[in-house]
Amino acid sequence: MSGLTLDRWIRDRARTTPERVAIDFLGVETTYRELDERSERLAAGLLEAGLVPGDRVATLTGSSPEHVVVFFACAKAGLILLPLNWRLTNAEFAYQLADAEPAVLLASTELAETASSLHERSAGLEDLVFQKRKVLPPVGDDDGLLLVYTSGTTGRPKGAVLTHANCFWTNLSFDRVAGVGDEDVVLQVLPQFHVGGWNVQPLLAWWKGARVVLEPSFEPGRALALIGEKRVTTMMGVPATYLFLAQEPGFADADLSSLRRAVVGGAPMPEPLLELWHERGVEIVQGYGLTEAAPNVLCLPPEDAARKRGFAGKPYPHVDVALRDPESGSLVKGAGEGELVVRGPNVFAGYWRNPDATAAAFVDGWLLTGDIAARDEEGDYRIVGRLKDMVISGGENVYPAEIESVLHEHPVVAEAAVLGVPDERWGEACAAFVVLAAEASETELLAFCRERLAKFKVPREIRFVEELPRNAMGKIVKSELLERVA
């Protein structure tokens, strides 16, 4: 018997509080009864259209109530939602669609033309056909619910499969540390193509019967005004979210009296920014997570925010973490440093149709995060570096290997190395060092990248060098390149 599936979350809530508002989207309210009825009929409609449990439903859209309806319809019909990152290029879309083989691609009006060029079976989110069907198939705890693609160190993104159980446990553990109550008003500005756009507050809010003020995208000025206007009590963002809000001209006088708690993830929050929000009376809950853990792993409660600045905290309930020595493979005891490894019911089922990558992601039942962490005497963890070659730019994971792979496609690029450099706006950005086989300009290579990569992956700058520094094994020494940037 399954008891951890998300299909009943909205059914239970609609039965208990049917007329309570679930979503406030640009002033248009959707009640729990409406959300339940629409998702029920869409689940039936998708099955009536020939989809079968386990099929993927791809979406190309900004955040919207219709997208939430699709999520719960998938949960009810045993389908897997693949929310595509609308910031990607057509080449990136094509790869993910070929890999996931969705049965249908649903798109918002402004992206409908792109969708029709990408998939033979596309439809508009606003034109969905709803059907009545008395019995929907049973859904299992370990059935896939979300398929989220993450950039890979090999240059090709991998699809992380998150099950109903993964989403159930990560929301339960989040609730026990930084909970949402039925009277909360949640401001949701994170995009729904991120796992954080579902599993860090919104799904929990709909489980608990709270109101979600859903924004199609993040506009700092508008978001700041909404906090006071809608009496927002809690929200989630990456450090850049809070930086842009704080940089708004009206920040000092903005009404933040209702905002009791702000959750931050994706990267450590800079101390001056933390202090700025504390001065405005807002509790900051810092955390650490990754898509493969659905995503919640570590959390630093508000009472420790000042005392433990720079720390990501302790593991969430139901989550186990440890430090693994990358050299010996043994687990580190007591205070120390090593690769952070995770296990628990929140950890993903594996990479879509990629058993080799799945096997490589685990050692002795522990998920390898690729992040180096330090643990102090109190058991708090701090992320100190990366074992994996990865850049976090504005909360987005960017793997240099993916950019290097694109640069190597250019006919005059002989060699390329990409690394992260400090950036005041985004925390980190990418810089590329290129060895040319023939003449080319920085403008030309950047344009080449823009055609093939999402905007946030395009290097901030390209520097031309005679050769790339290498060690005795022939491996590129990126630390030397970093010194040149400095």
Protein backbone atom coordinates (compact mmCIF):
# COMPACT_ATOMS: atom_id res chain seq x y z
CA MET A 1 0.00 0.00 0.00
CA SER A 2 1.38 3.40 -0.93
CA GLY A 3 1.14 6.17 1.60
CA LEU A 4 3.75 8.68 0.49
CA THR A 5 2.33 9.71 -2.88
CA LEU A 6 1.59 13.35 -3.64
CA ASP A 7 -1.63 12.68 -5.57
CA ARG A 8 -3.65 12.78 -2.36
CA TRP A 9 -2.09 15.97 -0.97
CA ILE A 10 -4.34 18.19 -3.04
CA ARG A 11 -7.35 15.84 -2.72
CA ASP A 12 -7.10 15.88 1.08
CA ARG A 13 -6.66 19.65 1.18
CA ALA A 14 -9.61 20.23 -1.18
CA ARG A 15 -11.77 18.08 1.07
CA THR A 16 -10.66 19.90 4.24
CA THR A 17 -10.41 23.53 3.08
CA PRO A 18 -11.97 23.70 -0.41
CA GLU A 19 -12.50 27.48 -0.59
CA ARG A 20 -9.14 28.48 0.84
CA VAL A 21 -6.87 30.17 -1.74
CA ALA A 22 -4.04 27.92 -2.95
CA ILE A 23 -2.53 30.24 -5.58
CA ASP A 24 -2.56 34.01 -6.05
CA PHE A 25 -1.18 34.61 -9.53
CA LEU A 26 -1.08 38.22 -10.71
CA GLY A 27 -4.17 38.87 -8.59
CA VAL A 28 -6.14 35.87 -9.93
CA GLU A 29 -6.94 33.41 -7.15
CA THR A 30 -7.25 29.63 -7.47
CA THR A 31 -8.86 27.72 -4.60
CA TYR A 32 -7.88 24.27 -3.40
CA ARG A 33 -11.15 22.90 -4.76
CA GLU A 34 -10.41 24.35 -8.21
CA LEU A 35 -6.83 23.07 -8.17
CA ASP A 36 -8.00 19.58 -7.22
CA GLU A 37 -10.83 19.45 -9.78
CA ARG A 38 -8.72 20.81 -12.64
CA SER A 39 -5.80 18.45 -11.94
CA GLU A 40 -8.22 15.50 -11.61
CA ARG A 41 -9.76 16.22 -14.99
CA LEU A 42 -6.40 16.84 -16.64
CA ALA A 43 -5.04 13.55 -15.25
CA ALA A 44 -8.01 11.81 -16.88
CA GLY A 45 -7.53 13.82 -20.08
CA LEU A 46 -3.86 12.87 -20.42
CA LEU A 47 -4.68 9.18 -19.98
CA GLU A 48 -7.61 9.51 -22.36
CA ALA A 49 -5.19 10.98 -24.91
CA GLY A 50 -3.18 7.75 -24.81
CA LEU A 51 -0.51 8.42 -22.19
CA VAL A 52 0.23 5.58 -19.80
CA PRO A 53 1.74 5.65 -16.27
CA GLY A 54 5.48 6.23 -16.45
CA ASP A 55 5.24 8.44 -19.55
CA ARG A 56 6.98 11.81 -19.40
CA VAL A 57 5.09 15.08 -19.74
CA ALA A 58 7.50 17.86 -20.74
CA THR A 59 6.61 21.49 -20.09
CA LEU A 60 8.02 24.72 -21.47
CA THR A 61 6.63 27.58 -19.44
CA GLY A 62 7.23 30.20 -16.81
CA SER A 63 5.69 29.59 -13.39
CA SER A 64 1.90 29.57 -13.57
CA PRO A 65 -1.23 28.02 -11.99
CA GLU A 66 -1.62 25.92 -15.15
CA HIS A 67 1.83 24.45 -14.52
CA VAL A 68 0.80 23.56 -10.96
CA VAL A 69 -2.29 21.85 -12.37
CA VAL A 70 -0.03 19.83 -14.68
CA PHE A 71 2.19 18.83 -11.73
CA PHE A 72 -0.69 17.46 -9.68
CA ALA A 73 -2.27 15.85 -12.77
CA CYS A 74 1.00 13.97 -13.33
CA ALA A 75 1.04 12.98 -9.66
CA LYS A 76 -2.49 11.60 -9.97
CA ALA A 77 -2.00 9.80 -13.30
CA GLY A 78 1.38 8.24 -12.50
CA LEU A 79 3.14 10.40 -15.09
CA ILE A 80 6.57 12.05 -14.75
CA LEU A 81 6.82 15.82 -15.13
CA LEU A 82 9.84 17.11 -17.07
CA PRO A 83 9.93 20.89 -16.56
CA LEU A 84 12.28 22.31 -19.18
CA ASN A 85 14.42 25.31 -18.36
CA TRP A 86 13.02 27.97 -20.73
CA ARG A 87 16.39 29.76 -20.66
CA LEU A 88 18.06 27.01 -22.68
CA THR A 89 18.80 27.08 -26.39
CA ASN A 90 17.02 24.92 -28.97
CA ALA A 91 20.07 22.64 -29.15
CA GLU A 92 19.89 22.05 -25.38
CA PHE A 93 16.13 21.45 -25.56
CA ALA A 94 16.62 18.96 -28.38
CA TYR A 95 19.14 16.94 -26.38
CA GLN A 96 16.92 16.68 -23.28
CA LEU A 97 13.82 15.81 -25.32
CA ALA A 98 15.69 13.13 -27.26
CA ASP A 99 17.00 11.69 -23.98
CA ALA A 100 13.72 11.77 -22.04
CA GLU A 101 11.38 10.96 -24.94
CA PRO A 102 8.31 12.68 -23.49
CA ALA A 103 4.89 11.67 -24.80
CA VAL A 104 3.83 15.30 -25.05
CA LEU A 105 5.30 18.80 -24.72
CA LEU A 106 3.03 21.38 -23.09
CA ALA A 107 3.92 25.05 -23.51
CA SER A 108 2.72 28.50 -22.51
CA THR A 109 1.43 30.80 -25.25
CA GLU A 110 4.65 32.78 -25.66
CA LEU A 111 6.68 29.55 -26.05
CA ALA A 112 4.17 27.59 -28.15
CA GLU A 113 6.00 28.22 -31.42
CA THR A 114 9.29 26.99 -29.97
CA ALA A 115 7.53 23.92 -28.58
CA SER A 116 5.94 23.00 -31.90
CA SER A 117 9.35 23.14 -33.57
CA LEU A 118 10.82 20.82 -30.95
CA HIS A 119 8.19 18.11 -30.53
CA GLU A 120 5.69 16.53 -32.91
CA ARG A 121 3.09 16.41 -30.15
CA SER A 122 2.92 19.80 -28.49
CA ALA A 123 -0.01 21.65 -26.97
CA GLY A 124 -0.68 24.92 -25.24
CA LEU A 125 -1.04 24.99 -21.46
CA GLU A 126 -4.11 27.19 -21.89
CA ASP A 127 -5.68 24.79 -24.42
CA LEU A 128 -5.52 21.59 -22.39
CA VAL A 129 -8.36 19.17 -22.93
CA PHE A 130 -9.93 18.06 -19.68
CA GLN A 131 -11.84 14.78 -19.42
CA LYS A 132 -13.97 13.07 -16.83
CA ARG A 133 -12.81 9.64 -15.75
CA LYS A 134 -14.05 7.79 -12.72
CA VAL A 135 -10.98 5.73 -11.82
CA LEU A 136 -7.34 6.81 -12.06
CA PRO A 137 -4.57 4.18 -11.80
CA PRO A 138 -2.95 3.54 -8.40
CA VAL A 139 0.32 5.42 -7.87
CA GLY A 140 3.27 3.93 -6.00
CA ASP A 141 5.68 5.59 -3.57
CA ASP A 142 8.67 4.74 -5.76
CA ASP A 143 7.07 5.88 -9.03
CA GLY A 144 8.84 8.77 -10.74
CA LEU A 145 7.26 12.20 -10.32
CA LEU A 146 9.86 14.75 -11.42
CA LEU A 147 12.61 14.48 -14.03
CA VAL A 148 15.03 17.36 -13.59
CA TYR A 149 18.10 17.74 -15.79
CA THR A 150 21.35 18.84 -14.17
CA SER A 151 24.52 19.93 -15.93
CA GLY A 152 27.13 17.20 -16.05
CA THR A 153 30.90 17.16 -15.66
CA THR A 154 31.06 15.27 -18.96
CA GLY A 155 29.44 18.18 -20.76
CA ARG A 156 26.06 16.46 -21.18
CA PRO A 157 23.22 17.09 -18.69
CA LYS A 158 21.78 14.09 -16.84
CA GLY A 159 18.14 13.63 -15.86
CA ALA A 160 17.67 13.09 -12.12
CA VAL A 161 14.54 11.05 -11.35
CA LEU A 162 12.75 12.11 -8.16
CA THR A 163 10.03 9.78 -6.88
CA HIS A 164 6.87 10.53 -4.91
CA ALA A 165 8.66 9.24 -1.81
CA ASN A 166 11.67 11.51 -2.43
CA CYS A 167 9.37 14.53 -2.59
CA PHE A 168 7.33 13.39 0.42
CA TRP A 169 10.34 12.97 2.71
CA THR A 170 12.16 16.14 1.64
CA ASN A 171 9.02 18.19 2.33
CA LEU A 172 8.42 16.48 5.67
CA SER A 173 12.00 17.10 6.79
CA PHE A 174 11.88 20.73 5.61
CA ASP A 175 8.66 21.26 7.56
CA ARG A 176 10.26 20.02 10.76
CA VAL A 177 12.99 22.67 10.58
CA ALA A 178 11.68 25.66 8.64
CA GLY A 179 8.02 24.84 8.48
CA VAL A 180 5.09 26.42 6.70
CA GLY A 181 1.75 26.81 8.47
CA ASP A 182 -1.77 27.03 7.07
CA GLU A 183 -1.87 30.79 7.70
CA ASP A 184 1.41 31.47 5.89
CA VAL A 185 1.63 33.49 2.69
CA VAL A 186 4.52 32.17 0.58
CA LEU A 187 6.12 34.33 -2.11
CA GLN A 188 7.33 31.99 -4.84
CA VAL A 189 9.84 33.56 -7.24
CA LEU A 190 12.10 30.58 -7.98
CA PRO A 191 11.46 29.09 -11.44
CA GLN A 192 9.52 25.84 -11.63
CA PHE A 193 12.17 24.18 -13.80
CA HIS A 194 14.27 23.97 -10.60
CA VAL A 195 13.60 21.33 -7.98
CA GLY A 196 13.64 24.21 -5.48
CA GLY A 197 10.67 25.73 -7.32
CA TRP A 198 8.61 22.80 -6.04
CA ASN A 199 10.26 21.18 -3.03
CA VAL A 200 11.41 24.25 -1.11
CA GLN A 201 8.14 25.75 0.19
CA PRO A 202 5.48 25.57 -2.60
CA LEU A 203 4.56 21.87 -2.36
CA LEU A 204 4.77 22.03 1.42
CA ALA A 205 2.51 25.09 1.39
CA TRP A 206 -0.12 23.24 -0.69
CA TRP A 207 0.19 20.20 1.60
CA LYS A 208 -0.45 22.43 4.63
CA GLY A 209 -3.17 24.60 3.08
CA ALA A 210 -1.21 27.86 2.86
CA ARG A 211 -1.47 30.55 0.18
CA VAL A 212 1.23 30.80 -2.49
CA VAL A 213 1.77 34.13 -4.21
CA LEU A 214 3.14 32.75 -7.47
CA GLU A 215 5.16 34.95 -9.80
CA PRO A 216 5.77 34.11 -13.49
CA SER A 217 9.37 35.28 -13.06
CA PHE A 218 11.47 37.27 -10.61
CA GLU A 219 11.23 41.06 -10.89
CA PRO A 220 12.91 42.60 -7.80
CA GLY A 221 10.83 45.80 -7.67
CA ARG A 222 7.56 43.97 -8.04
CA ALA A 223 8.55 41.24 -5.55
CA LEU A 224 9.51 43.85 -2.96
CA ALA A 225 6.13 45.56 -3.33
CA LEU A 226 4.27 42.24 -3.11
CA ILE A 227 5.78 41.46 0.30
CA GLY A 228 3.92 44.39 1.83
CA GLU A 229 0.85 44.27 -0.40
CA LYS A 230 0.13 40.54 0.02
CA ARG A 231 1.43 40.34 3.62
CA VAL A 232 4.00 37.72 2.64
CA THR A 233 5.28 35.79 5.65
CA THR A 234 8.00 33.62 4.10
CA MET A 235 9.91 33.13 0.84
CA MET A 236 12.80 31.26 -0.73
CA GLY A 237 15.60 32.51 -2.97
CA VAL A 238 19.26 32.28 -3.85
CA PRO A 239 21.70 34.96 -2.57
CA ALA A 240 21.27 36.94 -5.80
CA THR A 241 17.50 37.12 -5.12
CA TYR A 242 18.07 38.91 -1.82
CA LEU A 243 20.87 41.05 -3.26
CA PHE A 244 18.63 42.38 -6.05
CA LEU A 245 15.80 43.04 -3.58
CA ALA A 246 18.20 44.94 -1.30
CA GLN A 247 19.49 46.98 -4.25
CA GLU A 248 16.01 48.25 -5.10
CA PRO A 249 15.69 52.02 -4.40
CA GLY A 250 12.68 51.42 -2.15
CA PHE A 251 14.24 48.69 0.00
CA ALA A 252 15.00 50.88 3.03
CA ASP A 253 11.37 52.01 3.28
CA ALA A 254 9.66 48.84 2.03
CA ASP A 255 7.08 47.25 4.31
CA LEU A 256 8.69 43.99 5.43
CA SER A 257 6.75 43.77 8.70
CA SER A 258 4.91 40.59 7.68
CA LEU A 259 8.04 38.74 6.48
CA ARG A 260 9.10 36.51 9.36
CA ARG A 261 11.47 34.16 7.58
CA ALA A 262 13.49 34.02 4.39
CA VAL A 263 15.13 30.81 3.20
CA VAL A 264 18.33 30.98 1.16
CA GLY A 265 20.13 28.25 -0.77
CA GLY A 266 22.18 27.65 -3.89
CA ALA A 267 25.30 29.29 -2.42
CA PRO A 268 26.45 30.81 0.90
CA MET A 269 24.92 34.22 1.66
CA PRO A 270 27.59 36.96 1.96
CA GLU A 271 27.86 38.33 5.50
CA PRO A 272 27.10 41.99 4.65
CA LEU A 273 23.91 40.88 2.86
CA LEU A 274 22.96 38.67 5.82
CA GLU A 275 23.40 41.62 8.19
CA LEU A 276 21.34 43.88 5.95
CA TRP A 277 18.34 41.55 6.11
CA HIS A 278 18.79 40.96 9.81
CA GLU A 279 18.66 44.73 10.33
CA ARG A 280 15.26 44.70 8.61
CA GLY A 281 14.06 42.13 11.16
CA VAL A 282 13.96 39.14 8.81
CA GLU A 283 15.09 35.70 9.98
CA ILE A 284 17.40 34.05 7.48
CA VAL A 285 17.45 30.24 7.21
CA GLN A 286 20.49 29.12 5.24
CA GLY A 287 20.82 25.71 3.73
CA TYR A 288 22.54 23.42 1.30
CA GLY A 289 21.11 20.96 -1.15
CA LEU A 290 21.42 19.40 -4.57
CA THR A 291 18.93 18.17 -7.16
CA GLU A 292 19.84 14.53 -6.53
CA ALA A 293 18.76 14.93 -2.88
CA ALA A 294 15.41 16.50 -3.83
CA PRO A 295 17.16 18.94 -2.76
CA ASN A 296 17.29 19.48 1.04
CA VAL A 297 20.41 18.26 2.88
CA LEU A 298 21.72 20.81 5.40
CA CYS A 299 20.00 23.63 7.26
CA LEU A 300 21.23 26.39 9.58
CA PRO A 301 18.37 27.63 11.80
CA PRO A 302 17.88 31.39 12.33
CA GLU A 303 19.17 31.33 15.92
CA ASP A 304 22.59 30.17 14.67
CA ALA A 305 22.75 32.46 11.62
CA ALA A 306 24.90 35.13 13.30
CA ARG A 307 27.04 32.77 15.41
CA LYS A 308 27.71 30.36 12.55
CA ARG A 309 28.08 32.66 9.59
CA GLY A 310 29.34 30.83 6.54
CA PHE A 311 27.98 27.48 7.74
CA ALA A 312 25.25 25.43 6.06
CA GLY A 313 24.32 23.81 9.37
CA LYS A 314 23.29 20.29 10.33
CA PRO A 315 21.41 17.68 8.29
CA TYR A 316 17.64 17.86 8.04
CA PRO A 317 15.63 15.24 9.93
CA HIS A 318 15.53 11.88 8.07
CA VAL A 319 18.76 12.84 6.25
CA ASP A 320 22.19 11.36 7.06
CA VAL A 321 25.43 12.99 5.99
CA ALA A 322 29.08 12.13 6.45
CA LEU A 323 32.53 13.23 5.29
CA ARG A 324 34.47 10.88 3.03
CA ASP A 325 38.20 11.08 2.52
CA PRO A 326 38.59 11.38 -1.28
CA GLU A 327 41.98 9.65 -1.13
CA SER A 328 41.36 6.67 1.17
CA GLY A 329 37.60 6.40 0.77
CA SER A 330 37.13 6.06 4.53
CA LEU A 331 34.65 8.17 6.50
CA VAL A 332 36.11 11.01 8.57
CA LYS A 333 35.35 10.89 12.30
CA GLY A 334 34.81 13.93 14.52
CA ALA A 335 35.77 17.41 13.35
CA GLY A 336 37.44 17.32 9.96
CA GLU A 337 37.19 17.81 6.23
CA GLY A 338 36.23 15.65 3.28
CA GLU A 339 33.71 15.10 0.49
CA LEU A 340 30.16 15.52 1.75
CA VAL A 341 28.13 12.35 1.19
CA VAL A 342 24.38 11.92 1.74
CA ARG A 343 21.87 9.14 2.24
CA GLY A 344 18.19 9.02 3.15
CA PRO A 345 14.72 8.61 1.66
CA ASN A 346 15.09 11.99 -0.07
CA VAL A 347 17.98 10.77 -2.25
CA PHE A 348 16.99 10.30 -5.88
CA ALA A 349 16.21 7.05 -7.66
CA GLY A 350 19.00 7.54 -10.20
CA TYR A 351 19.77 9.19 -13.53
CA TRP A 352 17.28 8.63 -16.33
CA ARG A 353 18.36 5.70 -18.52
CA ASN A 354 21.94 6.10 -17.32
CA PRO A 355 22.89 3.18 -15.05
CA ASP A 356 26.63 3.90 -15.35
CA ALA A 357 26.25 7.50 -14.15
CA THR A 358 23.90 6.34 -11.37
CA ALA A 359 26.40 3.72 -10.19
CA ALA A 360 29.21 6.29 -10.26
CA ALA A 361 27.16 8.68 -8.09
CA PHE A 362 27.08 6.26 -5.14
CA VAL A 363 29.67 4.57 -2.93
CA ASP A 364 28.56 2.12 -0.23
CA GLY A 365 25.03 3.51 -0.35
CA TRP A 366 26.16 7.14 0.03
CA LEU A 367 25.43 9.76 -2.64
CA LEU A 368 28.62 11.59 -3.59
CA THR A 369 27.95 15.33 -3.74
CA GLY A 370 31.31 16.38 -5.17
CA ASP A 371 31.47 19.17 -2.58
CA ILE A 372 34.20 19.41 0.04
CA ALA A 373 32.88 20.30 3.48
CA ALA A 374 34.32 20.93 6.92
CA ARG A 375 32.59 19.75 10.12
CA ASP A 376 33.22 21.48 13.44
CA GLU A 377 33.06 20.12 16.99
CA GLU A 378 29.33 20.91 17.22
CA GLY A 379 28.52 18.89 14.12
CA ASP A 380 27.82 21.88 11.86
CA TYR A 381 28.97 21.69 8.24
CA ARG A 382 30.50 24.37 6.05
CA ILE A 383 31.04 23.97 2.30
CA VAL A 384 34.66 24.87 1.58
CA GLY A 385 35.23 23.82 -2.01
CA ARG A 386 34.36 21.48 -4.83
CA LEU A 387 35.74 18.16 -5.82
CA LYS A 388 33.77 18.53 -9.03
CA ASP A 389 34.65 21.22 -11.53
CA MET A 390 31.55 23.37 -11.07
CA VAL A 391 30.65 27.07 -10.93
CA ILE A 392 27.59 28.45 -9.14
CA SER A 393 26.44 31.58 -10.95
CA GLY A 394 23.37 33.30 -9.49
CA GLY A 395 22.33 30.01 -7.90
CA GLU A 396 22.61 28.12 -11.21
CA ASN A 397 25.03 25.18 -11.45
CA VAL A 398 27.34 25.62 -14.43
CA TYR A 399 29.84 22.93 -15.38
CA PRO A 400 32.90 24.26 -17.26
CA ALA A 401 33.11 20.98 -19.19
CA GLU A 402 29.84 21.79 -20.93
CA ILE A 403 31.14 25.21 -22.05
CA GLU A 404 34.51 23.77 -23.04
CA SER A 405 32.71 21.18 -25.15
CA VAL A 406 30.86 23.94 -27.02
CA LEU A 407 34.01 26.02 -27.56
CA HIS A 408 35.80 22.97 -28.96
CA GLU A 409 33.07 22.71 -31.61
CA HIS A 410 34.28 26.00 -33.12
CA PRO A 411 36.59 25.24 -36.07
CA VAL A 412 39.42 27.61 -35.00
CA VAL A 413 39.51 26.67 -31.28
CA ALA A 414 42.44 24.34 -30.63
CA GLU A 415 42.07 24.21 -26.84
CA ALA A 416 39.79 25.72 -24.23
CA ALA A 417 39.67 25.84 -20.44
CA VAL A 418 36.83 27.40 -18.45
CA LEU A 419 36.84 28.29 -14.77
CA GLY A 420 34.83 30.25 -12.25
CA VAL A 421 35.90 33.75 -11.26
CA PRO A 422 34.43 36.05 -8.57
CA ASP A 423 31.58 38.23 -9.77
CA GLU A 424 29.99 41.00 -7.68
CA ARG A 425 26.54 40.51 -9.22
CA TRP A 426 26.26 36.72 -9.55
CA GLY A 427 28.75 35.46 -6.95
CA GLU A 428 30.67 33.62 -9.66
CA ALA A 429 30.90 33.83 -13.44
CA CYS A 430 32.81 31.85 -16.07
CA ALA A 431 35.99 32.95 -17.79
CA ALA A 432 37.34 31.03 -20.79
CA PHE A 433 40.98 30.68 -21.84
CA VAL A 434 41.33 29.74 -25.49
CA VAL A 435 44.20 28.64 -27.74
CA LEU A 436 43.41 29.44 -31.38
CA ALA A 437 44.39 27.47 -34.47
CA ALA A 438 43.43 30.43 -36.69
CA GLU A 439 42.26 34.00 -36.20
CA ALA A 440 39.03 34.71 -34.31
CA SER A 441 37.69 37.46 -32.05
CA GLU A 442 36.21 37.32 -28.57
CA THR A 443 32.95 38.71 -30.00
CA GLU A 444 32.76 35.88 -32.53
CA LEU A 445 33.35 33.14 -29.95
CA LEU A 446 30.87 34.63 -27.47
CA ALA A 447 28.23 34.79 -30.20
CA PHE A 448 29.00 31.13 -31.00
CA CYS A 449 28.42 30.25 -27.34
CA ARG A 450 25.17 32.23 -27.12
CA GLU A 451 23.71 30.19 -29.97
CA ARG A 452 24.40 26.94 -28.13
CA LEU A 453 24.24 27.75 -24.44
CA ALA A 454 21.78 29.33 -22.04
CA LYS A 455 22.69 32.93 -21.23
CA PHE A 456 23.85 32.14 -17.69
CA LYS A 457 26.37 29.60 -19.05
CA VAL A 458 28.00 31.95 -21.58
CA PRO A 459 31.47 33.05 -20.36
CA ARG A 460 31.78 36.57 -19.03
CA GLU A 461 35.05 36.94 -20.92
CA ILE A 462 37.34 35.03 -23.26
CA ARG A 463 41.09 35.40 -23.03
CA PHE A 464 43.40 34.20 -25.77
CA VAL A 465 46.60 32.46 -24.69
CA GLU A 466 49.53 30.84 -26.51
CA GLU A 467 49.14 27.64 -24.51
CA LEU A 468 47.36 26.28 -21.46
CA PRO A 469 49.41 25.48 -18.33
CA ARG A 470 49.67 21.74 -17.68
CA ASN A 471 51.15 19.53 -14.98
CA ALA A 472 53.47 16.56 -15.48
CA MET A 473 50.48 14.32 -16.28
CA GLY A 474 49.36 16.73 -19.00
CA LYS A 475 46.33 17.91 -17.03
CA ILE A 476 45.41 21.59 -17.34
CA VAL A 477 46.31 23.47 -14.14
CA LYS A 478 43.34 25.80 -13.70
CA SER A 479 44.77 27.32 -10.51
CA GLU A 480 47.47 28.96 -12.64
CA LEU A 481 44.83 30.41 -14.93
CA LEU A 482 42.97 31.71 -11.87
CA GLU A 483 46.15 33.52 -10.77
CA ARG A 484 46.25 35.27 -14.15
CA VAL A 485 42.68 36.49 -13.61
CA ALA A 486 43.57 37.75 -10.13
